[in-house]
């Protein structure tokens, strides 16, 4: 499955609160660790996409998303420290931006195929209205918590894999293991696939 934060949860998050002003620190990443950690909405500083960027990624002519479940168990090699920090920094930005209810910054942390899968089927008028809303942070009790992040491994196709343990308010469990596959695009690591409730060693 490719959805880390289910679409209704993210859209609902944007409808619940108010936000800190946008920042101009393009591509700045949060610092990994220690865990558990609730990423602060103020740490969502990655450069945002525009509404037009998201709509372009959803164009009918765009390459469709193709999940690769084998990537969860495929043999990989441990990444170097700089790569591991960059990958974990992307994940912290994902949750900082989710906790901030900042849909356009959140979207900037995913590959175009993932966005097509994530927003696919949403009527364009509804999507445009959603993306145009001002960012609004979640109340403290509804924010996502990262319980832990595993070792980052590099796969034969050049992507990175890492297991993340989450605590989400809509899930009765306090630990949900997900495996995240990331792709390096223009020197940034972007989320390309997410397999929920699947640890790399399952």
N, C-alpha and C. Protein backbone atom coordinates (compact mmCIF):
# COMPACT_ATOMS: atom_id res chain seq x y z
N UNK A 1 0.85 -1.19 0.00
CA UNK A 1 0.00 0.00 0.00
C UNK A 1 0.88 1.24 0.00
N UNK A 2 0.44 2.31 -0.68
CA UNK A 2 1.29 3.47 -0.85
C UNK A 2 0.90 4.65 0.03
N UNK A 3 -0.02 4.51 0.92
CA UNK A 3 -0.50 5.67 1.66
C UNK A 3 -0.01 5.65 3.11
N UNK A 4 0.82 6.62 3.47
CA UNK A 4 1.33 6.70 4.84
C UNK A 4 0.32 7.40 5.75
N UNK A 5 -0.13 8.57 5.33
CA UNK A 5 -1.21 9.24 6.04
C UNK A 5 -2.42 9.14 5.13
N UNK A 6 -3.45 8.47 5.57
CA UNK A 6 -4.59 8.24 4.71
C UNK A 6 -5.16 9.56 4.25
N UNK A 7 -5.62 9.60 2.99
CA UNK A 7 -6.06 10.86 2.39
C UNK A 7 -7.11 11.58 3.23
N UNK A 8 -8.16 10.91 3.72
CA UNK A 8 -9.15 11.63 4.53
C UNK A 8 -8.54 12.22 5.79
N UNK A 9 -7.53 11.54 6.38
CA UNK A 9 -6.90 12.06 7.59
C UNK A 9 -6.15 13.34 7.30
N UNK A 10 -5.41 13.37 6.18
CA UNK A 10 -4.65 14.56 5.84
C UNK A 10 -5.58 15.71 5.52
N UNK A 11 -6.61 15.45 4.71
CA UNK A 11 -7.54 16.51 4.35
C UNK A 11 -8.26 17.01 5.59
N UNK A 12 -8.64 16.09 6.48
CA UNK A 12 -9.29 16.51 7.72
C UNK A 12 -8.36 17.36 8.56
N UNK A 13 -7.07 17.01 8.57
CA UNK A 13 -6.11 17.76 9.37
C UNK A 13 -6.04 19.20 8.93
N UNK A 14 -6.13 19.44 7.63
CA UNK A 14 -6.03 20.80 7.13
C UNK A 14 -7.26 21.61 7.50
N UNK A 15 -8.34 20.94 7.87
CA UNK A 15 -9.56 21.67 8.18
C UNK A 15 -9.70 22.01 9.66
N UNK A 16 -8.72 21.59 10.50
CA UNK A 16 -8.98 21.71 11.94
C UNK A 16 -8.35 22.91 12.67
N UNK A 17 -7.33 23.55 12.25
CA UNK A 17 -6.66 24.55 13.07
C UNK A 17 -6.20 25.79 12.33
N UNK A 18 -5.17 26.43 12.83
CA UNK A 18 -4.59 27.63 12.21
C UNK A 18 -3.09 27.47 12.07
N UNK A 19 -2.39 28.21 11.25
CA UNK A 19 -0.94 27.93 11.03
C UNK A 19 0.00 29.08 11.26
N UNK A 20 1.27 28.67 11.51
CA UNK A 20 2.39 29.58 11.53
C UNK A 20 2.64 30.07 10.11
N UNK A 21 3.24 31.23 9.91
CA UNK A 21 3.48 31.72 8.57
C UNK A 21 4.42 30.80 7.81
N UNK A 22 4.30 30.84 6.47
CA UNK A 22 5.22 30.09 5.63
C UNK A 22 6.64 30.56 5.86
N UNK A 23 7.61 29.64 5.72
CA UNK A 23 9.02 30.01 5.81
C UNK A 23 9.63 29.92 4.44
N UNK A 24 10.81 30.47 4.27
CA UNK A 24 11.45 30.49 2.96
C UNK A 24 12.71 29.65 2.94
N UNK A 25 12.86 28.75 3.90
CA UNK A 25 14.05 27.91 3.97
C UNK A 25 13.88 26.69 3.09
N UNK A 26 14.07 26.86 1.81
CA UNK A 26 13.84 25.79 0.84
C UNK A 26 14.74 24.60 1.11
N UNK A 27 14.12 23.40 1.09
CA UNK A 27 14.80 22.12 1.17
C UNK A 27 15.54 21.89 2.49
N UNK A 28 15.27 22.68 3.51
CA UNK A 28 15.90 22.45 4.81
C UNK A 28 15.25 21.25 5.47
N UNK A 29 16.04 20.38 6.05
CA UNK A 29 15.53 19.16 6.64
C UNK A 29 15.60 19.20 8.17
N UNK A 30 14.65 18.51 8.79
CA UNK A 30 14.68 18.37 10.25
C UNK A 30 15.84 17.48 10.65
N UNK A 31 16.29 17.62 11.88
CA UNK A 31 17.42 16.82 12.38
C UNK A 31 16.91 15.50 12.94
N UNK A 32 17.42 14.35 12.47
CA UNK A 32 16.94 13.05 12.96
C UNK A 32 17.22 12.84 14.44
N UNK A 33 16.27 12.14 15.11
CA UNK A 33 16.44 11.71 16.49
C UNK A 33 16.44 12.85 17.49
N UNK A 34 16.37 12.53 18.80
CA UNK A 34 16.10 11.20 19.36
C UNK A 34 14.61 10.84 19.26
N UNK A 35 14.30 9.59 19.49
CA UNK A 35 12.92 9.12 19.41
C UNK A 35 12.52 8.53 20.75
N UNK A 36 11.18 8.53 21.08
CA UNK A 36 10.08 9.01 20.25
C UNK A 36 10.10 10.53 20.10
N UNK A 37 9.47 10.97 19.03
CA UNK A 37 9.50 12.37 18.68
C UNK A 37 8.20 12.76 17.98
N UNK A 38 7.62 13.87 18.38
CA UNK A 38 6.45 14.42 17.70
C UNK A 38 6.93 15.61 16.88
N UNK A 39 7.10 15.46 15.58
CA UNK A 39 7.63 16.56 14.78
C UNK A 39 6.79 17.83 14.92
N UNK A 40 7.46 18.91 15.22
CA UNK A 40 6.81 20.20 15.45
C UNK A 40 6.37 20.80 14.12
N UNK A 41 5.13 21.31 14.03
CA UNK A 41 4.72 21.98 12.80
C UNK A 41 5.69 23.08 12.37
N UNK A 42 6.35 23.73 13.34
CA UNK A 42 7.30 24.79 13.00
C UNK A 42 8.51 24.26 12.25
N UNK A 43 8.75 22.94 12.31
CA UNK A 43 9.88 22.35 11.60
C UNK A 43 9.56 22.05 10.14
N UNK A 44 8.34 22.30 9.71
CA UNK A 44 7.96 22.09 8.30
C UNK A 44 8.45 23.28 7.49
N UNK A 45 9.65 23.17 6.96
CA UNK A 45 10.29 24.30 6.28
C UNK A 45 10.69 23.98 4.85
N UNK A 46 10.37 22.79 4.37
CA UNK A 46 10.72 22.42 3.01
C UNK A 46 9.98 23.32 2.02
N UNK A 47 10.56 23.54 0.85
CA UNK A 47 9.93 24.40 -0.14
C UNK A 47 8.63 23.75 -0.64
N UNK A 48 7.57 24.53 -0.69
CA UNK A 48 6.26 24.00 -1.08
C UNK A 48 6.14 23.87 -2.59
N UNK A 49 5.34 22.90 -3.01
CA UNK A 49 4.89 22.87 -4.39
C UNK A 49 3.81 23.93 -4.57
N UNK A 50 3.48 24.22 -5.82
CA UNK A 50 2.32 25.05 -6.11
C UNK A 50 1.14 24.14 -6.43
N UNK A 51 -0.05 24.68 -6.43
CA UNK A 51 -1.22 23.90 -6.83
C UNK A 51 -1.02 23.40 -8.26
N UNK A 52 -0.44 24.23 -9.10
CA UNK A 52 -0.21 23.85 -10.50
C UNK A 52 0.76 22.67 -10.59
N UNK A 53 1.77 22.64 -9.72
CA UNK A 53 2.72 21.52 -9.71
C UNK A 53 1.99 20.20 -9.43
N UNK A 54 1.11 20.22 -8.44
CA UNK A 54 0.39 19.00 -8.07
C UNK A 54 -0.53 18.56 -9.21
N UNK A 55 -1.24 19.51 -9.79
CA UNK A 55 -2.16 19.17 -10.89
C UNK A 55 -1.39 18.62 -12.09
N UNK A 56 -0.21 19.15 -12.35
CA UNK A 56 0.60 18.65 -13.47
C UNK A 56 1.01 17.20 -13.23
N UNK A 57 1.30 16.87 -11.98
CA UNK A 57 1.69 15.49 -11.65
C UNK A 57 0.54 14.52 -11.85
N UNK A 58 -0.69 15.03 -11.84
CA UNK A 58 -1.87 14.18 -11.99
C UNK A 58 -2.37 14.13 -13.42
N UNK A 59 -1.65 14.75 -14.35
CA UNK A 59 -2.10 14.79 -15.74
C UNK A 59 -2.28 13.38 -16.31
N UNK A 60 -3.29 13.18 -17.16
CA UNK A 60 -3.55 11.84 -17.71
C UNK A 60 -2.36 11.24 -18.45
N UNK A 61 -1.51 12.11 -19.01
CA UNK A 61 -0.36 11.61 -19.79
C UNK A 61 0.81 11.19 -18.91
N UNK A 62 0.73 11.45 -17.60
CA UNK A 62 1.84 11.16 -16.69
C UNK A 62 2.00 9.65 -16.52
N UNK A 63 3.23 9.25 -16.20
CA UNK A 63 3.52 7.83 -15.99
C UNK A 63 2.78 7.32 -14.76
N UNK A 64 2.04 6.21 -14.86
CA UNK A 64 1.30 5.71 -13.71
C UNK A 64 2.23 5.16 -12.63
N UNK A 65 1.75 5.20 -11.39
CA UNK A 65 2.51 4.64 -10.27
C UNK A 65 2.47 3.12 -10.33
N UNK A 66 3.60 2.50 -10.01
CA UNK A 66 3.69 1.04 -9.99
C UNK A 66 4.32 0.63 -8.66
N UNK A 67 3.55 -0.05 -7.82
CA UNK A 67 4.08 -0.49 -6.53
C UNK A 67 5.03 -1.67 -6.74
N UNK A 68 6.04 -1.76 -5.89
CA UNK A 68 7.01 -2.86 -5.96
C UNK A 68 7.12 -3.49 -4.58
N UNK A 69 6.16 -4.35 -4.23
CA UNK A 69 6.17 -4.95 -2.89
C UNK A 69 7.43 -5.73 -2.58
N UNK A 70 8.13 -6.21 -3.61
CA UNK A 70 9.37 -6.94 -3.37
C UNK A 70 10.45 -6.09 -2.75
N UNK A 71 10.32 -4.76 -2.89
CA UNK A 71 11.33 -3.87 -2.32
C UNK A 71 11.36 -3.94 -0.80
N UNK A 72 10.30 -4.45 -0.18
CA UNK A 72 10.25 -4.54 1.28
C UNK A 72 11.25 -5.57 1.79
N UNK A 73 11.42 -6.66 1.04
CA UNK A 73 12.27 -7.76 1.51
C UNK A 73 13.54 -7.92 0.69
N UNK A 74 13.70 -7.12 -0.34
CA UNK A 74 14.88 -7.23 -1.19
C UNK A 74 16.16 -6.95 -0.41
N UNK A 75 17.23 -7.65 -0.76
CA UNK A 75 18.51 -7.44 -0.08
C UNK A 75 19.03 -6.03 -0.35
N UNK A 76 19.44 -5.35 0.69
CA UNK A 76 19.99 -4.01 0.54
C UNK A 76 21.30 -3.88 1.29
N UNK A 77 21.96 -2.74 1.11
CA UNK A 77 23.21 -2.45 1.81
C UNK A 77 23.02 -1.22 2.68
N UNK A 78 23.64 -1.23 3.85
CA UNK A 78 23.53 -0.09 4.74
C UNK A 78 24.02 1.18 4.06
N UNK A 79 23.25 2.24 4.21
CA UNK A 79 23.62 3.52 3.62
C UNK A 79 24.69 4.19 4.47
N UNK A 80 25.45 5.09 3.86
CA UNK A 80 26.42 5.88 4.62
C UNK A 80 25.68 6.86 5.51
N UNK A 81 26.40 7.44 6.46
CA UNK A 81 25.77 8.29 7.48
C UNK A 81 25.07 9.50 6.86
N UNK A 82 25.68 10.13 5.86
CA UNK A 82 25.08 11.32 5.26
C UNK A 82 23.77 10.98 4.56
N UNK A 83 23.75 9.85 3.84
CA UNK A 83 22.52 9.43 3.16
C UNK A 83 21.45 9.08 4.18
N UNK A 84 21.84 8.35 5.23
CA UNK A 84 20.87 7.97 6.25
C UNK A 84 20.25 9.20 6.91
N UNK A 85 21.07 10.19 7.22
CA UNK A 85 20.54 11.41 7.83
C UNK A 85 19.60 12.14 6.88
N UNK A 86 19.93 12.17 5.59
CA UNK A 86 19.07 12.85 4.62
C UNK A 86 17.73 12.15 4.48
N UNK A 87 17.75 10.81 4.45
CA UNK A 87 16.51 10.04 4.35
C UNK A 87 15.65 10.25 5.60
N UNK A 88 16.25 10.16 6.77
CA UNK A 88 15.49 10.35 8.00
C UNK A 88 15.00 11.79 8.11
N UNK A 89 15.78 12.72 7.60
CA UNK A 89 15.35 14.11 7.60
C UNK A 89 14.10 14.31 6.76
N UNK A 90 14.02 13.61 5.61
CA UNK A 90 12.82 13.68 4.79
C UNK A 90 11.61 13.17 5.55
N UNK A 91 11.76 12.05 6.25
CA UNK A 91 10.64 11.49 7.01
C UNK A 91 10.18 12.44 8.11
N UNK A 92 11.12 13.08 8.78
CA UNK A 92 10.73 14.04 9.81
C UNK A 92 9.99 15.23 9.20
N UNK A 93 10.42 15.66 8.00
CA UNK A 93 9.71 16.73 7.33
C UNK A 93 8.30 16.30 6.95
N UNK A 94 8.15 15.05 6.50
CA UNK A 94 6.82 14.55 6.15
C UNK A 94 5.86 14.71 7.33
N UNK A 95 6.33 14.31 8.51
CA UNK A 95 5.43 14.36 9.66
C UNK A 95 5.32 15.75 10.26
N UNK A 96 6.35 16.56 10.15
CA UNK A 96 6.23 17.95 10.57
C UNK A 96 5.19 18.66 9.71
N UNK A 97 5.22 18.40 8.39
CA UNK A 97 4.28 19.06 7.48
C UNK A 97 2.88 18.49 7.62
N UNK A 98 2.77 17.19 7.93
CA UNK A 98 1.45 16.61 8.21
C UNK A 98 0.88 17.21 9.49
N UNK A 99 1.71 17.32 10.52
CA UNK A 99 1.25 17.93 11.78
C UNK A 99 0.93 19.41 11.60
N UNK A 100 1.57 20.05 10.62
CA UNK A 100 1.29 21.45 10.32
C UNK A 100 0.06 21.62 9.44
N UNK A 101 -0.47 20.52 8.89
CA UNK A 101 -1.60 20.63 7.98
C UNK A 101 -1.24 21.39 6.72
N UNK A 102 0.01 21.28 6.30
CA UNK A 102 0.52 22.05 5.15
C UNK A 102 0.58 21.13 3.93
N UNK A 103 -0.50 21.09 3.17
CA UNK A 103 -0.64 20.12 2.09
C UNK A 103 0.40 20.31 0.99
N UNK A 104 0.74 21.54 0.64
CA UNK A 104 1.66 21.75 -0.48
C UNK A 104 3.10 21.45 -0.09
N UNK A 105 3.49 21.73 1.14
CA UNK A 105 4.81 21.32 1.58
C UNK A 105 4.86 19.79 1.76
N UNK A 106 3.79 19.24 2.31
CA UNK A 106 3.68 17.79 2.45
C UNK A 106 3.84 17.11 1.09
N UNK A 107 3.17 17.63 0.08
CA UNK A 107 3.23 17.04 -1.26
C UNK A 107 4.61 17.12 -1.88
N UNK A 108 5.38 18.12 -1.49
CA UNK A 108 6.71 18.30 -2.08
C UNK A 108 7.70 17.22 -1.64
N UNK A 109 7.32 16.41 -0.67
CA UNK A 109 8.21 15.38 -0.13
C UNK A 109 7.97 14.01 -0.76
N UNK A 110 7.13 13.96 -1.79
CA UNK A 110 6.77 12.71 -2.46
C UNK A 110 7.09 12.79 -3.95
N UNK A 111 7.34 11.63 -4.54
CA UNK A 111 7.56 11.57 -5.98
C UNK A 111 6.23 11.80 -6.71
N UNK A 112 6.33 12.18 -7.97
CA UNK A 112 5.11 12.40 -8.75
C UNK A 112 4.26 11.13 -8.86
N UNK A 113 4.84 9.95 -9.09
CA UNK A 113 3.99 8.75 -9.11
C UNK A 113 3.23 8.54 -7.80
N UNK A 114 3.89 8.82 -6.66
CA UNK A 114 3.19 8.67 -5.38
C UNK A 114 2.02 9.64 -5.31
N UNK A 115 2.24 10.89 -5.73
CA UNK A 115 1.16 11.88 -5.68
C UNK A 115 -0.02 11.45 -6.55
N UNK A 116 0.27 10.87 -7.71
CA UNK A 116 -0.82 10.41 -8.57
C UNK A 116 -1.63 9.33 -7.87
N UNK A 117 -0.95 8.46 -7.15
CA UNK A 117 -1.64 7.41 -6.42
C UNK A 117 -2.40 7.98 -5.22
N UNK A 118 -1.78 8.91 -4.51
CA UNK A 118 -2.35 9.47 -3.29
C UNK A 118 -3.60 10.29 -3.57
N UNK A 119 -3.53 11.17 -4.58
CA UNK A 119 -4.64 12.06 -4.88
C UNK A 119 -5.54 11.53 -6.00
N UNK A 120 -5.21 10.37 -6.56
CA UNK A 120 -6.00 9.84 -7.66
C UNK A 120 -7.45 9.62 -7.27
N UNK A 121 -8.36 10.01 -8.17
CA UNK A 121 -9.79 9.84 -7.91
C UNK A 121 -10.45 11.00 -7.21
N UNK A 122 -9.67 11.98 -6.72
CA UNK A 122 -10.27 13.15 -6.10
C UNK A 122 -10.71 14.11 -7.21
N UNK A 123 -11.97 14.54 -7.24
CA UNK A 123 -12.40 15.50 -8.27
C UNK A 123 -11.50 16.73 -8.28
N UNK A 124 -11.15 17.20 -9.47
CA UNK A 124 -10.17 18.29 -9.56
C UNK A 124 -10.61 19.53 -8.79
N UNK A 125 -11.89 19.89 -8.88
CA UNK A 125 -12.35 21.09 -8.18
C UNK A 125 -12.15 20.95 -6.67
N UNK A 126 -12.44 19.76 -6.13
CA UNK A 126 -12.25 19.53 -4.70
C UNK A 126 -10.78 19.58 -4.33
N UNK A 127 -9.94 18.99 -5.19
CA UNK A 127 -8.51 18.98 -4.92
C UNK A 127 -7.94 20.39 -4.95
N UNK A 128 -8.33 21.18 -5.93
CA UNK A 128 -7.84 22.56 -6.02
C UNK A 128 -8.25 23.36 -4.79
N UNK A 129 -9.49 23.18 -4.36
CA UNK A 129 -9.95 23.91 -3.17
C UNK A 129 -9.18 23.48 -1.93
N UNK A 130 -8.93 22.19 -1.80
CA UNK A 130 -8.17 21.67 -0.67
C UNK A 130 -6.74 22.22 -0.65
N UNK A 131 -6.06 22.16 -1.81
CA UNK A 131 -4.67 22.60 -1.88
C UNK A 131 -4.53 24.11 -1.69
N UNK A 132 -5.58 24.86 -2.02
CA UNK A 132 -5.52 26.32 -1.91
C UNK A 132 -5.78 26.81 -0.50
N UNK A 133 -6.21 25.93 0.39
CA UNK A 133 -6.50 26.36 1.76
C UNK A 133 -5.22 26.72 2.50
N UNK A 134 -5.25 27.73 3.36
CA UNK A 134 -4.07 28.05 4.17
C UNK A 134 -3.70 26.87 5.07
N UNK A 135 -2.41 26.62 5.28
CA UNK A 135 -2.00 25.53 6.18
C UNK A 135 -2.54 25.74 7.59
N UNK A 136 -2.91 24.65 8.24
CA UNK A 136 -3.49 24.72 9.57
C UNK A 136 -2.97 23.56 10.41
N UNK A 137 -2.28 23.82 11.51
CA UNK A 137 -1.68 22.74 12.29
C UNK A 137 -2.70 21.92 13.07
N UNK A 138 -2.36 20.67 13.27
CA UNK A 138 -3.20 19.79 14.08
C UNK A 138 -3.11 20.19 15.55
N UNK A 139 -4.19 19.99 16.30
CA UNK A 139 -4.10 20.12 17.76
C UNK A 139 -3.05 19.14 18.29
N UNK A 140 -2.45 19.48 19.39
CA UNK A 140 -1.36 18.67 19.94
C UNK A 140 -1.74 17.21 20.10
N UNK A 141 -2.95 16.94 20.56
CA UNK A 141 -3.35 15.55 20.82
C UNK A 141 -3.60 14.75 19.54
N UNK A 142 -3.65 15.41 18.39
CA UNK A 142 -3.89 14.70 17.14
C UNK A 142 -2.63 14.57 16.28
N UNK A 143 -1.51 15.02 16.79
CA UNK A 143 -0.29 14.97 16.00
C UNK A 143 0.32 13.57 15.96
N UNK A 144 0.95 13.26 14.84
CA UNK A 144 1.60 11.97 14.65
C UNK A 144 2.91 11.92 15.43
N UNK A 145 3.20 10.77 16.01
CA UNK A 145 4.43 10.57 16.78
C UNK A 145 5.27 9.52 16.06
N UNK A 146 6.55 9.81 15.92
CA UNK A 146 7.49 8.82 15.40
C UNK A 146 8.13 8.13 16.59
N UNK A 147 7.89 6.82 16.74
CA UNK A 147 8.45 6.06 17.84
C UNK A 147 9.89 5.62 17.56
N UNK A 148 10.21 5.44 16.31
CA UNK A 148 11.57 5.03 15.97
C UNK A 148 11.74 4.95 14.46
N UNK A 149 12.98 5.00 14.04
CA UNK A 149 13.34 4.85 12.63
C UNK A 149 14.51 3.88 12.56
N UNK A 150 14.38 2.88 11.68
CA UNK A 150 15.41 1.85 11.57
C UNK A 150 16.59 2.28 10.72
N UNK A 151 17.46 1.31 10.45
CA UNK A 151 18.61 1.58 9.59
C UNK A 151 18.15 1.85 8.16
N UNK A 152 18.83 2.77 7.51
CA UNK A 152 18.55 3.08 6.10
C UNK A 152 19.40 2.16 5.23
N UNK A 153 18.75 1.49 4.28
CA UNK A 153 19.45 0.61 3.35
C UNK A 153 19.27 1.11 1.92
N UNK A 154 20.28 0.90 1.11
CA UNK A 154 20.20 1.23 -0.31
C UNK A 154 19.89 -0.04 -1.09
N UNK A 155 18.90 0.04 -1.98
CA UNK A 155 18.47 -1.09 -2.77
C UNK A 155 19.20 -1.12 -4.12
N UNK A 156 19.21 -2.26 -4.79
CA UNK A 156 19.91 -2.37 -6.08
C UNK A 156 19.45 -1.35 -7.13
N UNK A 157 18.19 -0.90 -7.05
CA UNK A 157 17.70 0.06 -8.05
C UNK A 157 18.04 1.51 -7.68
N UNK A 158 18.81 1.70 -6.60
CA UNK A 158 19.24 3.04 -6.21
C UNK A 158 18.35 3.72 -5.20
N UNK A 159 17.18 3.15 -4.93
CA UNK A 159 16.31 3.74 -3.93
C UNK A 159 16.76 3.37 -2.52
N UNK A 160 16.20 4.04 -1.54
CA UNK A 160 16.52 3.76 -0.14
C UNK A 160 15.30 3.16 0.53
N UNK A 161 15.56 2.32 1.54
CA UNK A 161 14.48 1.69 2.30
C UNK A 161 14.73 1.89 3.78
N UNK A 162 13.65 2.16 4.52
CA UNK A 162 13.79 2.33 5.96
C UNK A 162 12.46 1.97 6.63
N UNK A 163 12.54 1.38 7.80
CA UNK A 163 11.33 1.09 8.57
C UNK A 163 11.11 2.22 9.57
N UNK A 164 9.86 2.65 9.68
CA UNK A 164 9.50 3.71 10.62
C UNK A 164 8.37 3.19 11.51
N UNK A 165 8.47 3.45 12.80
CA UNK A 165 7.45 3.02 13.76
C UNK A 165 6.65 4.25 14.16
N UNK A 166 5.34 4.19 13.92
CA UNK A 166 4.48 5.35 14.13
C UNK A 166 3.49 5.12 15.26
N UNK A 167 3.04 6.22 15.84
CA UNK A 167 1.93 6.23 16.79
C UNK A 167 0.96 7.27 16.26
N UNK A 168 -0.17 6.79 15.72
CA UNK A 168 -1.15 7.69 15.13
C UNK A 168 -2.42 7.70 15.96
N UNK A 169 -3.02 8.87 16.16
CA UNK A 169 -4.14 8.98 17.10
C UNK A 169 -5.37 8.18 16.69
N UNK A 170 -5.53 7.88 15.40
CA UNK A 170 -6.70 7.13 14.96
C UNK A 170 -6.50 5.62 15.03
N UNK A 171 -5.31 5.19 15.45
CA UNK A 171 -4.98 3.77 15.51
C UNK A 171 -4.82 3.39 16.98
N UNK A 172 -5.53 2.36 17.46
CA UNK A 172 -5.43 1.99 18.89
C UNK A 172 -4.05 1.51 19.29
N UNK A 173 -3.26 1.07 18.32
CA UNK A 173 -1.89 0.64 18.64
C UNK A 173 -1.01 1.85 18.90
N UNK A 174 0.00 1.66 19.71
CA UNK A 174 0.96 2.74 19.93
C UNK A 174 2.20 2.57 19.04
N UNK A 175 2.28 1.44 18.36
CA UNK A 175 3.41 1.21 17.46
C UNK A 175 2.91 0.55 16.17
N UNK A 176 3.04 1.27 15.07
CA UNK A 176 2.64 0.75 13.76
C UNK A 176 3.87 0.73 12.86
N UNK A 177 4.34 -0.45 12.43
CA UNK A 177 5.53 -0.51 11.58
C UNK A 177 5.19 -0.32 10.10
N UNK A 178 5.85 0.61 9.45
CA UNK A 178 5.69 0.83 8.02
C UNK A 178 7.06 0.82 7.36
N UNK A 179 7.11 0.31 6.15
CA UNK A 179 8.36 0.35 5.38
C UNK A 179 8.23 1.41 4.30
N UNK A 180 9.19 2.30 4.26
CA UNK A 180 9.17 3.43 3.33
C UNK A 180 10.29 3.26 2.31
N UNK A 181 9.96 3.46 1.04
CA UNK A 181 10.93 3.42 -0.05
C UNK A 181 11.06 4.84 -0.58
N UNK A 182 12.29 5.33 -0.67
CA UNK A 182 12.51 6.70 -1.12
C UNK A 182 13.39 6.71 -2.37
N UNK A 183 13.17 7.70 -3.21
CA UNK A 183 13.91 7.87 -4.45
C UNK A 183 14.63 9.21 -4.41
N UNK A 184 15.90 9.23 -4.82
CA UNK A 184 16.64 10.48 -4.86
C UNK A 184 16.31 11.23 -6.15
N UNK A 185 15.81 12.44 -5.99
CA UNK A 185 15.42 13.27 -7.13
C UNK A 185 16.08 14.63 -6.96
N UNK A 186 16.98 14.98 -7.88
CA UNK A 186 17.67 16.28 -7.81
C UNK A 186 18.28 16.52 -6.43
N UNK A 187 19.00 15.53 -5.94
CA UNK A 187 19.76 15.58 -4.69
C UNK A 187 18.88 15.49 -3.43
N UNK A 188 17.58 15.36 -3.60
CA UNK A 188 16.69 15.22 -2.44
C UNK A 188 16.10 13.81 -2.43
N UNK A 189 15.90 13.26 -1.23
CA UNK A 189 15.24 11.97 -1.09
C UNK A 189 13.76 12.21 -0.91
N UNK A 190 12.95 11.63 -1.82
CA UNK A 190 11.50 11.78 -1.78
C UNK A 190 10.84 10.43 -1.57
N UNK A 191 9.73 10.43 -0.86
CA UNK A 191 8.99 9.19 -0.60
C UNK A 191 8.38 8.69 -1.91
N UNK A 192 8.67 7.44 -2.25
CA UNK A 192 8.19 6.85 -3.50
C UNK A 192 7.15 5.76 -3.27
N UNK A 193 7.29 5.03 -2.18
CA UNK A 193 6.32 4.00 -1.81
C UNK A 193 6.28 3.87 -0.30
N UNK A 194 5.11 3.50 0.20
CA UNK A 194 4.99 3.17 1.63
C UNK A 194 4.15 1.91 1.75
N UNK A 195 4.66 0.94 2.50
CA UNK A 195 3.94 -0.30 2.74
C UNK A 195 3.56 -0.33 4.21
N UNK A 196 2.27 -0.09 4.48
CA UNK A 196 1.80 0.02 5.85
C UNK A 196 1.74 -1.32 6.54
N UNK A 197 2.01 -1.27 7.85
CA UNK A 197 1.94 -2.47 8.69
C UNK A 197 2.86 -3.57 8.19
N UNK A 198 3.97 -3.17 7.57
CA UNK A 198 4.92 -4.14 7.05
C UNK A 198 6.32 -3.69 7.44
N UNK A 199 6.98 -4.45 8.30
CA UNK A 199 8.36 -4.19 8.62
C UNK A 199 9.25 -4.88 7.60
N UNK A 200 10.45 -4.36 7.40
CA UNK A 200 11.36 -4.91 6.42
C UNK A 200 11.72 -6.35 6.72
N UNK A 201 11.58 -6.78 7.99
CA UNK A 201 11.96 -8.14 8.35
C UNK A 201 10.77 -9.07 8.46
N UNK A 202 9.53 -8.56 8.12
CA UNK A 202 8.34 -9.40 8.25
C UNK A 202 8.32 -10.48 7.19
